[in-house]
Amino acid sequence: MQTMPGNPMIEIQSLGRDIAACRICRDHPAGEPMAHEPRPVAVLSKVARILIAGQAPGLRVHESGIPFNDASGDRLREWLGVDRTRFYDPGNFSILPMGFCFPGYDSHGSDLPPRKECAPKWRAKALSTMPQVELVLAVGGYAQAWHLGLKSGVPMTETVRDWRLHLQKGVLPLPHPSWRNTGWLRRNPWFEAELVPELRRLVLQWIS
């Protein structure tokens, strides 16, 4: 698709359309092809200072096409201290999961990992269109590994516990807000006592 050189808004709009039309995991997969029709979900923004880097959409998000439109999103918004109106304002947040499409379920009924095709094809290009981003919220282990350059096998708890160190690089690691991590939150009360207040302070600093 042709874009007007030097026009950042047209460039990011064009990229958003290209991402929405992507079917690489079905047509040119890095392994088993997607078992269902892909539906990429991402929010690009030329003005938002905060980027939410998640894992991959769940089934409810796949069905609605709205990122974090589920119980995990409710918990994430609680951590951020924002309502749905402010959360879905692209002037406040851009949303770029590691995998743009719902990957399906494994044999135990859990979400599969993000598809391997997305990040190599789209991530660097998408990030390059959003140089204004001041803070990346790396939600979950896959996003943390990519944005922090972590070696494989680094425990998520260790990464999140070192949040003050990572924040110096403009990345704030968060556990996934899934109900599956409710036990983790109970075992690690420091997260909501120490990290969440700082998260809310940063959010208020950069959103309208």
N, C-alpha and C. Protein backbone atom coordinates (compact mmCIF):
# COMPACT_ATOMS: atom_id res chain seq x y z
N MET A 1 0.85 -1.20 0.00
CA MET A 1 0.00 0.00 0.00
C MET A 1 0.88 1.24 0.00
N GLN A 2 0.55 2.19 -0.89
CA GLN A 2 1.33 3.41 -0.99
C GLN A 2 0.96 4.38 0.12
N THR A 3 1.93 5.01 0.73
CA THR A 3 1.68 6.03 1.74
C THR A 3 2.40 7.31 1.33
N MET A 4 1.96 8.42 1.88
CA MET A 4 2.61 9.70 1.61
C MET A 4 3.84 9.82 2.48
N PRO A 5 5.04 9.87 1.88
CA PRO A 5 6.25 9.95 2.69
C PRO A 5 6.26 11.21 3.54
N GLY A 6 6.69 11.04 4.78
CA GLY A 6 6.83 12.18 5.67
C GLY A 6 5.56 12.55 6.40
N ASN A 7 4.48 11.79 6.22
CA ASN A 7 3.23 12.07 6.92
C ASN A 7 3.01 10.98 7.95
N PRO A 8 3.38 11.21 9.22
CA PRO A 8 3.32 10.16 10.24
C PRO A 8 1.91 9.63 10.47
N MET A 9 0.90 10.49 10.41
CA MET A 9 -0.46 10.03 10.66
C MET A 9 -0.94 9.06 9.59
N ILE A 10 -0.67 9.38 8.33
CA ILE A 10 -1.05 8.48 7.24
C ILE A 10 -0.27 7.18 7.35
N GLU A 11 1.00 7.28 7.74
CA GLU A 11 1.83 6.08 7.88
C GLU A 11 1.26 5.14 8.93
N ILE A 12 0.86 5.66 10.08
CA ILE A 12 0.37 4.80 11.15
C ILE A 12 -1.02 4.25 10.81
N GLN A 13 -1.84 5.03 10.12
CA GLN A 13 -3.14 4.54 9.70
C GLN A 13 -2.99 3.41 8.68
N SER A 14 -2.05 3.56 7.77
CA SER A 14 -1.79 2.52 6.77
C SER A 14 -1.29 1.25 7.43
N LEU A 15 -0.39 1.41 8.42
CA LEU A 15 0.11 0.24 9.12
C LEU A 15 -1.01 -0.46 9.88
N GLY A 16 -1.90 0.30 10.49
CA GLY A 16 -3.02 -0.29 11.19
C GLY A 16 -3.89 -1.12 10.26
N ARG A 17 -4.13 -0.64 9.04
CA ARG A 17 -4.91 -1.41 8.07
C ARG A 17 -4.17 -2.67 7.65
N ASP A 18 -2.86 -2.56 7.48
CA ASP A 18 -2.07 -3.73 7.09
C ASP A 18 -2.12 -4.80 8.18
N ILE A 19 -2.02 -4.39 9.43
CA ILE A 19 -2.08 -5.33 10.54
C ILE A 19 -3.46 -6.00 10.58
N ALA A 20 -4.52 -5.21 10.42
CA ALA A 20 -5.87 -5.76 10.46
C ALA A 20 -6.10 -6.79 9.36
N ALA A 21 -5.41 -6.62 8.23
CA ALA A 21 -5.58 -7.53 7.10
C ALA A 21 -4.62 -8.72 7.14
N CYS A 22 -3.73 -8.76 8.12
CA CYS A 22 -2.70 -9.80 8.17
C CYS A 22 -3.32 -11.18 8.39
N ARG A 23 -2.86 -12.16 7.60
CA ARG A 23 -3.29 -13.55 7.73
C ARG A 23 -2.09 -14.49 7.67
N ILE A 24 -0.93 -13.98 8.10
CA ILE A 24 0.30 -14.75 7.98
C ILE A 24 0.24 -16.06 8.76
N CYS A 25 -0.43 -16.05 9.92
CA CYS A 25 -0.49 -17.27 10.73
C CYS A 25 -1.39 -18.34 10.11
N ARG A 26 -2.19 -17.95 9.14
CA ARG A 26 -3.02 -18.90 8.41
C ARG A 26 -2.37 -19.31 7.09
N ASP A 27 -1.83 -18.32 6.38
CA ASP A 27 -1.35 -18.57 5.03
C ASP A 27 0.13 -18.93 4.96
N HIS A 28 0.92 -18.40 5.89
CA HIS A 28 2.37 -18.70 5.90
C HIS A 28 2.83 -18.93 7.34
N PRO A 29 2.29 -19.93 8.00
CA PRO A 29 2.54 -20.12 9.44
C PRO A 29 3.95 -20.61 9.74
N ALA A 30 4.40 -20.29 10.95
CA ALA A 30 5.68 -20.80 11.46
C ALA A 30 5.41 -22.06 12.27
N GLY A 31 4.82 -23.03 11.65
CA GLY A 31 4.39 -24.26 12.34
C GLY A 31 2.99 -24.60 11.90
N GLU A 32 2.17 -25.08 12.83
CA GLU A 32 0.79 -25.40 12.49
C GLU A 32 0.02 -24.12 12.19
N PRO A 33 -0.76 -24.12 11.11
CA PRO A 33 -1.53 -22.91 10.79
C PRO A 33 -2.62 -22.64 11.82
N MET A 34 -3.03 -21.40 11.93
CA MET A 34 -4.12 -21.02 12.81
C MET A 34 -5.34 -21.86 12.47
N ALA A 35 -5.99 -22.38 13.50
CA ALA A 35 -7.12 -23.28 13.29
C ALA A 35 -8.41 -22.53 13.02
N HIS A 36 -8.43 -21.21 13.21
CA HIS A 36 -9.63 -20.41 12.98
C HIS A 36 -9.23 -19.15 12.22
N GLU A 37 -10.22 -18.42 11.76
CA GLU A 37 -9.95 -17.20 11.00
C GLU A 37 -9.27 -16.16 11.90
N PRO A 38 -8.11 -15.66 11.51
CA PRO A 38 -7.42 -14.65 12.32
C PRO A 38 -8.24 -13.36 12.42
N ARG A 39 -8.10 -12.68 13.54
CA ARG A 39 -8.70 -11.36 13.73
C ARG A 39 -7.74 -10.51 14.52
N PRO A 40 -6.78 -9.88 13.86
CA PRO A 40 -5.78 -9.09 14.58
C PRO A 40 -6.40 -7.96 15.38
N VAL A 41 -5.93 -7.78 16.60
CA VAL A 41 -6.42 -6.73 17.48
C VAL A 41 -5.24 -5.93 17.99
N ALA A 42 -5.19 -4.64 17.65
CA ALA A 42 -4.13 -3.75 18.11
C ALA A 42 -4.64 -2.32 18.02
N VAL A 43 -4.06 -1.45 18.84
CA VAL A 43 -4.41 -0.02 18.81
C VAL A 43 -3.11 0.77 18.68
N LEU A 44 -2.92 1.42 17.53
CA LEU A 44 -1.75 2.25 17.32
C LEU A 44 -2.12 3.71 17.55
N SER A 45 -1.19 4.48 18.07
CA SER A 45 -1.46 5.88 18.37
C SER A 45 -0.22 6.73 18.15
N LYS A 46 -0.43 7.91 17.57
CA LYS A 46 0.67 8.85 17.37
C LYS A 46 0.88 9.77 18.55
N VAL A 47 -0.02 9.71 19.56
CA VAL A 47 0.09 10.65 20.67
C VAL A 47 0.18 9.99 22.04
N ALA A 48 -0.30 8.77 22.20
CA ALA A 48 -0.30 8.13 23.51
C ALA A 48 1.13 7.93 24.01
N ARG A 49 1.35 8.30 25.27
CA ARG A 49 2.68 8.15 25.86
C ARG A 49 2.88 6.77 26.50
N ILE A 50 1.79 6.03 26.67
CA ILE A 50 1.86 4.73 27.33
C ILE A 50 1.48 3.63 26.34
N LEU A 51 2.34 2.64 26.22
CA LEU A 51 2.09 1.47 25.37
C LEU A 51 1.84 0.26 26.26
N ILE A 52 0.70 -0.39 26.06
CA ILE A 52 0.41 -1.63 26.76
C ILE A 52 0.83 -2.78 25.85
N ALA A 53 1.85 -3.50 26.27
CA ALA A 53 2.37 -4.63 25.50
C ALA A 53 1.89 -5.91 26.18
N GLY A 54 0.81 -6.49 25.63
CA GLY A 54 0.23 -7.68 26.23
C GLY A 54 0.74 -8.96 25.60
N GLN A 55 0.01 -10.05 25.86
CA GLN A 55 0.38 -11.36 25.35
C GLN A 55 -0.28 -11.61 24.00
N ALA A 56 -1.57 -11.94 24.05
CA ALA A 56 -2.38 -12.18 22.86
C ALA A 56 -3.84 -12.10 23.28
N PRO A 57 -4.74 -11.75 22.37
CA PRO A 57 -6.15 -11.66 22.72
C PRO A 57 -6.71 -13.01 23.17
N GLY A 58 -7.65 -12.97 24.11
CA GLY A 58 -8.40 -14.15 24.47
C GLY A 58 -9.62 -14.31 23.58
N LEU A 59 -10.43 -15.32 23.85
CA LEU A 59 -11.58 -15.60 23.00
C LEU A 59 -12.58 -14.46 22.98
N ARG A 60 -12.87 -13.85 24.14
CA ARG A 60 -13.85 -12.76 24.18
C ARG A 60 -13.38 -11.56 23.38
N VAL A 61 -12.07 -11.29 23.45
CA VAL A 61 -11.52 -10.19 22.66
C VAL A 61 -11.58 -10.54 21.18
N HIS A 62 -11.28 -11.78 20.83
CA HIS A 62 -11.38 -12.24 19.44
C HIS A 62 -12.79 -12.03 18.90
N GLU A 63 -13.78 -12.34 19.72
CA GLU A 63 -15.17 -12.24 19.28
C GLU A 63 -15.62 -10.79 19.13
N SER A 64 -15.14 -9.90 20.00
CA SER A 64 -15.58 -8.51 19.98
C SER A 64 -14.68 -7.60 19.15
N GLY A 65 -13.40 -7.98 19.01
CA GLY A 65 -12.44 -7.12 18.34
C GLY A 65 -11.97 -5.97 19.19
N ILE A 66 -12.31 -5.99 20.49
CA ILE A 66 -11.94 -4.90 21.41
C ILE A 66 -10.90 -5.41 22.39
N PRO A 67 -9.71 -4.83 22.44
CA PRO A 67 -8.66 -5.35 23.33
C PRO A 67 -9.03 -5.24 24.80
N PHE A 68 -8.67 -6.25 25.56
CA PHE A 68 -8.91 -6.28 27.01
C PHE A 68 -10.38 -6.08 27.35
N ASN A 69 -11.25 -6.58 26.50
CA ASN A 69 -12.69 -6.48 26.73
C ASN A 69 -13.18 -7.72 27.47
N ASP A 70 -12.58 -7.95 28.65
CA ASP A 70 -12.88 -9.15 29.41
C ASP A 70 -12.51 -8.91 30.87
N ALA A 71 -12.60 -9.97 31.68
CA ALA A 71 -12.30 -9.82 33.10
C ALA A 71 -10.85 -9.40 33.34
N SER A 72 -9.93 -9.87 32.49
CA SER A 72 -8.54 -9.45 32.62
C SER A 72 -8.40 -7.95 32.40
N GLY A 73 -9.16 -7.44 31.43
CA GLY A 73 -9.14 -6.00 31.19
C GLY A 73 -9.69 -5.21 32.36
N ASP A 74 -10.73 -5.76 33.01
CA ASP A 74 -11.29 -5.08 34.19
C ASP A 74 -10.23 -4.95 35.28
N ARG A 75 -9.48 -6.03 35.50
CA ARG A 75 -8.44 -5.97 36.53
C ARG A 75 -7.32 -5.03 36.12
N LEU A 76 -6.93 -5.07 34.85
CA LEU A 76 -5.87 -4.17 34.39
C LEU A 76 -6.29 -2.71 34.56
N ARG A 77 -7.53 -2.39 34.22
CA ARG A 77 -8.00 -1.01 34.38
C ARG A 77 -8.02 -0.61 35.85
N GLU A 78 -8.32 -1.56 36.73
CA GLU A 78 -8.26 -1.27 38.16
C GLU A 78 -6.84 -0.94 38.59
N TRP A 79 -5.87 -1.72 38.09
CA TRP A 79 -4.47 -1.42 38.41
C TRP A 79 -4.08 -0.03 37.91
N LEU A 80 -4.54 0.30 36.70
CA LEU A 80 -4.18 1.58 36.10
C LEU A 80 -4.90 2.75 36.75
N GLY A 81 -6.05 2.48 37.37
CA GLY A 81 -6.84 3.54 37.97
C GLY A 81 -7.62 4.33 36.94
N VAL A 82 -8.07 3.66 35.86
CA VAL A 82 -8.82 4.35 34.81
C VAL A 82 -10.11 3.60 34.52
N ASP A 83 -11.09 4.33 33.97
CA ASP A 83 -12.32 3.69 33.53
C ASP A 83 -12.20 3.29 32.06
N ARG A 84 -13.24 2.66 31.52
CA ARG A 84 -13.19 2.19 30.14
C ARG A 84 -13.04 3.34 29.15
N THR A 85 -13.67 4.48 29.43
CA THR A 85 -13.58 5.61 28.51
C THR A 85 -12.15 6.07 28.32
N ARG A 86 -11.44 6.25 29.42
CA ARG A 86 -10.05 6.69 29.32
C ARG A 86 -9.14 5.59 28.80
N PHE A 87 -9.47 4.34 29.15
CA PHE A 87 -8.64 3.23 28.70
C PHE A 87 -8.67 3.10 27.18
N TYR A 88 -9.86 3.25 26.59
CA TYR A 88 -10.00 3.05 25.15
C TYR A 88 -9.80 4.33 24.33
N ASP A 89 -9.34 5.38 24.96
CA ASP A 89 -8.99 6.60 24.25
C ASP A 89 -7.57 6.43 23.69
N PRO A 90 -7.40 6.38 22.35
CA PRO A 90 -6.06 6.20 21.79
C PRO A 90 -5.13 7.37 22.05
N GLY A 91 -5.67 8.46 22.60
CA GLY A 91 -4.79 9.53 23.04
C GLY A 91 -4.10 9.21 24.34
N ASN A 92 -4.60 8.18 25.04
CA ASN A 92 -4.02 7.79 26.32
C ASN A 92 -3.15 6.55 26.24
N PHE A 93 -3.65 5.53 25.54
CA PHE A 93 -2.94 4.25 25.50
C PHE A 93 -2.91 3.70 24.07
N SER A 94 -1.76 3.18 23.68
CA SER A 94 -1.70 2.30 22.52
C SER A 94 -1.58 0.87 23.06
N ILE A 95 -2.08 -0.09 22.30
CA ILE A 95 -2.14 -1.48 22.76
C ILE A 95 -1.55 -2.36 21.66
N LEU A 96 -0.45 -3.03 21.98
CA LEU A 96 0.28 -3.81 20.98
C LEU A 96 0.66 -5.16 21.59
N PRO A 97 -0.21 -6.16 21.49
CA PRO A 97 0.13 -7.46 22.06
C PRO A 97 1.25 -8.15 21.28
N MET A 98 1.88 -9.11 21.90
CA MET A 98 2.95 -9.85 21.23
C MET A 98 2.40 -10.66 20.07
N GLY A 99 1.19 -11.17 20.23
CA GLY A 99 0.48 -11.83 19.14
C GLY A 99 -0.84 -11.11 18.94
N PHE A 100 -1.15 -10.72 17.71
CA PHE A 100 -2.33 -9.90 17.47
C PHE A 100 -3.63 -10.70 17.48
N CYS A 101 -3.55 -12.01 17.34
CA CYS A 101 -4.75 -12.83 17.21
C CYS A 101 -4.88 -13.83 18.35
N PHE A 102 -6.12 -14.17 18.67
CA PHE A 102 -6.38 -15.25 19.63
C PHE A 102 -5.75 -16.53 19.10
N PRO A 103 -4.82 -17.14 19.86
CA PRO A 103 -4.08 -18.29 19.33
C PRO A 103 -4.81 -19.62 19.45
N GLY A 104 -5.93 -19.64 20.19
CA GLY A 104 -6.62 -20.90 20.42
C GLY A 104 -6.27 -21.49 21.77
N TYR A 105 -6.82 -22.67 22.04
CA TYR A 105 -6.63 -23.34 23.33
C TYR A 105 -5.75 -24.58 23.17
N ASP A 106 -5.04 -24.91 24.26
CA ASP A 106 -4.31 -26.18 24.27
C ASP A 106 -5.24 -27.29 24.76
N SER A 107 -4.69 -28.47 24.94
CA SER A 107 -5.50 -29.63 25.31
C SER A 107 -6.08 -29.52 26.71
N HIS A 108 -5.56 -28.58 27.52
CA HIS A 108 -6.04 -28.39 28.89
C HIS A 108 -7.03 -27.22 28.98
N GLY A 109 -7.34 -26.60 27.86
CA GLY A 109 -8.28 -25.50 27.86
C GLY A 109 -7.65 -24.15 28.17
N SER A 110 -6.32 -24.08 28.21
CA SER A 110 -5.63 -22.81 28.45
C SER A 110 -5.26 -22.16 27.12
N ASP A 111 -5.15 -20.84 27.13
CA ASP A 111 -4.75 -20.14 25.91
C ASP A 111 -3.35 -20.59 25.48
N LEU A 112 -3.19 -20.82 24.18
CA LEU A 112 -1.87 -21.12 23.65
C LEU A 112 -0.99 -19.87 23.71
N PRO A 113 0.33 -20.03 23.60
CA PRO A 113 1.22 -18.86 23.57
C PRO A 113 0.93 -17.98 22.36
N PRO A 114 1.38 -16.73 22.39
CA PRO A 114 1.23 -15.87 21.21
C PRO A 114 1.85 -16.52 19.98
N ARG A 115 1.23 -16.34 18.84
CA ARG A 115 1.78 -16.88 17.60
C ARG A 115 3.18 -16.30 17.34
N LYS A 116 4.04 -17.14 16.78
CA LYS A 116 5.42 -16.74 16.57
C LYS A 116 5.61 -15.81 15.37
N GLU A 117 4.60 -15.72 14.52
CA GLU A 117 4.77 -14.92 13.31
C GLU A 117 4.67 -13.42 13.55
N CYS A 118 3.90 -13.02 14.57
CA CYS A 118 3.55 -11.60 14.73
C CYS A 118 4.74 -10.70 15.03
N ALA A 119 5.46 -11.01 16.09
CA ALA A 119 6.51 -10.10 16.54
C ALA A 119 7.58 -9.85 15.48
N PRO A 120 8.13 -10.90 14.82
CA PRO A 120 9.15 -10.63 13.81
C PRO A 120 8.65 -9.78 12.65
N LYS A 121 7.40 -9.95 12.28
CA LYS A 121 6.89 -9.23 11.11
C LYS A 121 6.49 -7.79 11.43
N TRP A 122 5.88 -7.56 12.60
CA TRP A 122 5.23 -6.30 12.84
C TRP A 122 5.79 -5.44 13.97
N ARG A 123 6.46 -6.04 14.96
CA ARG A 123 6.69 -5.29 16.19
C ARG A 123 7.63 -4.10 16.00
N ALA A 124 8.78 -4.31 15.41
CA ALA A 124 9.72 -3.21 15.23
C ALA A 124 9.11 -2.11 14.36
N LYS A 125 8.39 -2.50 13.32
CA LYS A 125 7.76 -1.52 12.44
C LYS A 125 6.73 -0.70 13.20
N ALA A 126 5.89 -1.37 14.00
CA ALA A 126 4.86 -0.66 14.74
C ALA A 126 5.47 0.29 15.77
N LEU A 127 6.46 -0.18 16.49
CA LEU A 127 7.09 0.67 17.50
C LEU A 127 7.78 1.88 16.88
N SER A 128 8.31 1.71 15.68
CA SER A 128 9.00 2.83 15.03
C SER A 128 8.04 3.95 14.66
N THR A 129 6.75 3.64 14.53
CA THR A 129 5.77 4.68 14.21
C THR A 129 5.28 5.41 15.45
N MET A 130 5.72 4.96 16.64
CA MET A 130 5.26 5.58 17.88
C MET A 130 6.43 6.01 18.76
N PRO A 131 7.28 6.90 18.26
CA PRO A 131 8.46 7.32 19.02
C PRO A 131 8.12 8.13 20.26
N GLN A 132 6.87 8.58 20.38
CA GLN A 132 6.48 9.42 21.52
C GLN A 132 6.26 8.61 22.80
N VAL A 133 6.24 7.28 22.69
CA VAL A 133 5.96 6.44 23.85
C VAL A 133 7.03 6.65 24.93
N GLU A 134 6.58 6.93 26.15
CA GLU A 134 7.47 7.14 27.28
C GLU A 134 7.56 5.92 28.18
N LEU A 135 6.47 5.13 28.21
CA LEU A 135 6.39 4.02 29.15
C LEU A 135 5.76 2.82 28.46
N VAL A 136 6.43 1.67 28.57
CA VAL A 136 5.88 0.40 28.08
C VAL A 136 5.46 -0.43 29.28
N LEU A 137 4.19 -0.80 29.32
CA LEU A 137 3.70 -1.72 30.34
C LEU A 137 3.78 -3.12 29.77
N ALA A 138 4.78 -3.88 30.20
CA ALA A 138 5.03 -5.22 29.68
C ALA A 138 4.23 -6.23 30.50
N VAL A 139 3.10 -6.65 29.95
CA VAL A 139 2.15 -7.50 30.66
C VAL A 139 2.42 -8.96 30.34
N GLY A 140 2.97 -9.69 31.30
CA GLY A 140 3.22 -11.11 31.11
C GLY A 140 4.63 -11.39 30.60
N GLY A 141 5.00 -12.67 30.69
CA GLY A 141 6.36 -13.07 30.41
C GLY A 141 6.83 -12.87 28.99
N TYR A 142 5.98 -13.10 27.99
CA TYR A 142 6.40 -12.95 26.60
C TYR A 142 6.74 -11.49 26.27
N ALA A 143 5.89 -10.57 26.72
CA ALA A 143 6.16 -9.15 26.49
C ALA A 143 7.40 -8.69 27.25
N GLN A 144 7.59 -9.20 28.47
CA GLN A 144 8.75 -8.82 29.26
C GLN A 144 10.04 -9.32 28.62
N ALA A 145 10.02 -10.53 28.12
CA ALA A 145 11.23 -11.07 27.47
C ALA A 145 11.61 -10.23 26.27
N TRP A 146 10.63 -9.81 25.47
CA TRP A 146 10.92 -9.06 24.25
C TRP A 146 11.40 -7.65 24.57
N HIS A 147 10.68 -6.96 25.45
CA HIS A 147 10.99 -5.54 25.70
C HIS A 147 12.17 -5.34 26.64
N LEU A 148 12.49 -6.35 27.44
CA LEU A 148 13.62 -6.22 28.36
C LEU A 148 14.82 -7.04 27.93
N GLY A 149 14.67 -7.80 26.85
CA GLY A 149 15.77 -8.62 26.36
C GLY A 149 16.19 -9.71 27.34
N LEU A 150 15.22 -10.29 28.02
CA LEU A 150 15.50 -11.30 29.04
C LEU A 150 15.85 -12.64 28.42
N LYS A 151 16.69 -13.38 29.09
CA LYS A 151 16.99 -14.73 28.67
C LYS A 151 15.81 -15.65 28.97
N SER A 152 15.71 -16.70 28.21
CA SER A 152 14.62 -17.65 28.40
C SER A 152 14.67 -18.26 29.80
N GLY A 153 13.52 -18.38 30.43
CA GLY A 153 13.45 -19.04 31.73
C GLY A 153 13.50 -18.12 32.92
N VAL A 154 13.66 -16.81 32.72
CA VAL A 154 13.67 -15.88 33.85
C VAL A 154 12.27 -15.86 34.47
N PRO A 155 12.13 -16.16 35.76
CA PRO A 155 10.80 -16.21 36.38
C PRO A 155 10.11 -14.84 36.33
N MET A 156 8.82 -14.87 36.04
CA MET A 156 8.06 -13.63 35.97
C MET A 156 8.09 -12.88 37.30
N THR A 157 8.03 -13.62 38.42
CA THR A 157 8.05 -12.97 39.73
C THR A 157 9.33 -12.17 39.92
N GLU A 158 10.44 -12.74 39.51
CA GLU A 158 11.72 -12.04 39.63
C GLU A 158 11.73 -10.77 38.79
N THR A 159 11.20 -10.85 37.58
CA THR A 159 11.16 -9.68 36.70
C THR A 159 10.31 -8.58 37.29
N VAL A 160 9.11 -8.93 37.76
CA VAL A 160 8.21 -7.90 38.31
C VAL A 160 8.77 -7.34 39.61
N ARG A 161 9.41 -8.19 40.42
CA ARG A 161 9.98 -7.70 41.68
C ARG A 161 11.08 -6.66 41.44
N ASP A 162 11.75 -6.77 40.28
CA ASP A 162 12.80 -5.80 39.94
C ASP A 162 12.26 -4.62 39.14
N TRP A 163 10.99 -4.29 39.35
CA TRP A 163 10.34 -3.28 38.52
C TRP A 163 11.02 -1.92 38.59
N ARG A 164 11.59 -1.56 39.74
CA ARG A 164 12.24 -0.25 39.85
C ARG A 164 13.43 -0.16 38.90
N LEU A 165 14.18 -1.24 38.78
CA LEU A 165 15.32 -1.28 37.86
C LEU A 165 14.86 -1.17 36.41
N HIS A 166 13.83 -1.93 36.06
CA HIS A 166 13.36 -1.92 34.68
C HIS A 166 12.69 -0.59 34.32
N LEU A 167 12.10 0.06 35.30
CA LEU A 167 11.44 1.33 35.04
C LEU A 167 12.44 2.39 34.58
N GLN A 168 13.68 2.25 34.98
CA GLN A 168 14.71 3.18 34.53
C GLN A 168 14.91 3.10 33.02
N LYS A 169 14.52 1.96 32.42
CA LYS A 169 14.61 1.79 30.96
C LYS A 169 13.30 2.12 30.27
N GLY A 170 12.32 2.61 31.03
CA GLY A 170 11.04 2.95 30.44
C GLY A 170 10.10 1.78 30.28
N VAL A 171 10.38 0.69 30.98
CA VAL A 171 9.54 -0.51 30.90
C VAL A 171 9.10 -0.90 32.31
N LEU A 172 7.80 -1.06 32.50
CA LEU A 172 7.27 -1.49 33.79
C LEU A 172 6.64 -2.87 33.61
N PRO A 173 7.25 -3.91 34.18
CA PRO A 173 6.71 -5.26 34.03
C PRO A 173 5.53 -5.50 34.96
N LEU A 174 4.50 -6.13 34.43
CA LEU A 174 3.30 -6.46 35.21
C LEU A 174 2.96 -7.93 35.01
N PRO A 175 2.40 -8.58 36.03
CA PRO A 175 1.87 -9.92 35.81
C PRO A 175 0.65 -9.82 34.91
N HIS A 176 0.30 -10.92 34.27
CA HIS A 176 -0.92 -10.87 33.48
C HIS A 176 -2.11 -10.73 34.42
N PRO A 177 -3.09 -9.88 34.10
CA PRO A 177 -4.22 -9.67 35.00
C PRO A 177 -5.27 -10.76 34.97
N SER A 178 -4.95 -11.90 34.39
CA SER A 178 -5.89 -13.01 34.32
C SER A 178 -6.28 -13.50 35.71
N TRP A 179 -7.48 -14.08 35.82
CA TRP A 179 -7.92 -14.68 37.09
C TRP A 179 -6.97 -15.79 37.52
N ARG A 180 -6.25 -16.38 36.56
CA ARG A 180 -5.31 -17.46 36.89
C ARG A 180 -4.18 -16.97 37.79
N ASN A 181 -3.95 -15.64 37.82
CA ASN A 181 -2.88 -15.09 38.65
C ASN A 181 -3.39 -14.54 39.98
N THR A 182 -4.64 -14.85 40.34
CA THR A 182 -5.17 -14.38 41.62
C THR A 182 -4.35 -14.92 42.78
N GLY A 183 -3.96 -16.18 42.71
CA GLY A 183 -3.13 -16.77 43.75
C GLY A 183 -1.79 -16.07 43.84
N TRP A 184 -1.20 -15.73 42.70
CA TRP A 184 0.09 -15.02 42.68
C TRP A 184 -0.05 -13.68 43.40
N LEU A 185 -1.14 -12.97 43.15
CA LEU A 185 -1.35 -11.68 43.79
C LEU A 185 -1.46 -11.82 45.30
N ARG A 186 -2.09 -12.87 45.76
CA ARG A 186 -2.20 -13.10 47.20
C ARG A 186 -0.86 -13.43 47.82
N ARG A 187 -0.03 -14.15 47.10
CA ARG A 187 1.29 -14.53 47.63
C ARG A 187 2.30 -13.39 47.54
N ASN A 188 1.99 -12.39 46.75
CA ASN A 188 2.92 -11.28 46.54
C ASN A 188 2.22 -9.94 46.79
N PRO A 189 1.86 -9.67 48.05
CA PRO A 189 1.10 -8.44 48.36
C PRO A 189 1.87 -7.16 48.06
N TRP A 190 3.19 -7.26 47.93
CA TRP A 190 3.98 -6.08 47.62
C TRP A 190 3.60 -5.48 46.26
N PHE A 191 3.07 -6.33 45.37
CA PHE A 191 2.72 -5.81 44.04
C PHE A 191 1.67 -4.72 44.14
N GLU A 192 0.57 -4.99 44.83
CA GLU A 192 -0.49 -3.99 44.93
C GLU A 192 -0.17 -2.91 45.95
N ALA A 193 0.73 -3.21 46.89
CA ALA A 193 1.09 -2.21 47.90
C ALA A 193 2.15 -1.22 47.40
N GLU A 194 3.05 -1.68 46.52
CA GLU A 194 4.17 -0.85 46.11
C GLU A 194 4.14 -0.48 44.63
N LEU A 195 3.94 -1.46 43.76
CA LEU A 195 4.01 -1.20 42.33
C LEU A 195 2.77 -0.49 41.81
N VAL A 196 1.59 -0.95 42.21
CA VAL A 196 0.35 -0.38 41.67
C VAL A 196 0.24 1.12 41.95
N PRO A 197 0.54 1.62 43.15
CA PRO A 197 0.47 3.07 43.37
C PRO A 197 1.40 3.86 42.44
N GLU A 198 2.59 3.33 42.18
CA GLU A 198 3.51 4.00 41.26
C GLU A 198 2.96 3.95 39.84
N LEU A 199 2.37 2.82 39.47
CA LEU A 199 1.75 2.70 38.15
C LEU A 199 0.67 3.76 37.96
N ARG A 200 -0.19 3.91 38.95
CA ARG A 200 -1.27 4.89 38.85
C ARG A 200 -0.73 6.31 38.77
N ARG A 201 0.36 6.58 39.49
CA ARG A 201 0.96 7.92 39.44
C ARG A 201 1.47 8.21 38.04
N LEU A 202 2.12 7.24 37.42
CA LEU A 202 2.65 7.42 36.08
C LEU A 202 1.53 7.60 35.06
N VAL A 203 0.47 6.82 35.22
CA VAL A 203 -0.66 6.93 34.30
C VAL A 203 -1.26 8.32 34.37
N LEU A 204 -1.47 8.84 35.58
CA LEU A 204 -2.04 10.18 35.73
C LEU A 204 -1.13 11.25 35.13
N GLN A 205 0.15 10.97 35.10
CA GLN A 205 1.11 11.91 34.57
C GLN A 205 0.99 12.05 33.04
N TRP A 206 0.58 10.94 32.37
CA TRP A 206 0.65 10.93 30.91
C TRP A 206 -0.68 10.77 30.19
N ILE A 207 -1.81 10.72 30.90
CA ILE A 207 -3.07 10.61 30.19
C ILE A 207 -3.92 11.84 30.46
N SER A 208 -4.92 12.04 29.62
CA SER A 208 -5.80 13.20 29.78
C SER A 208 -7.03 12.83 30.58
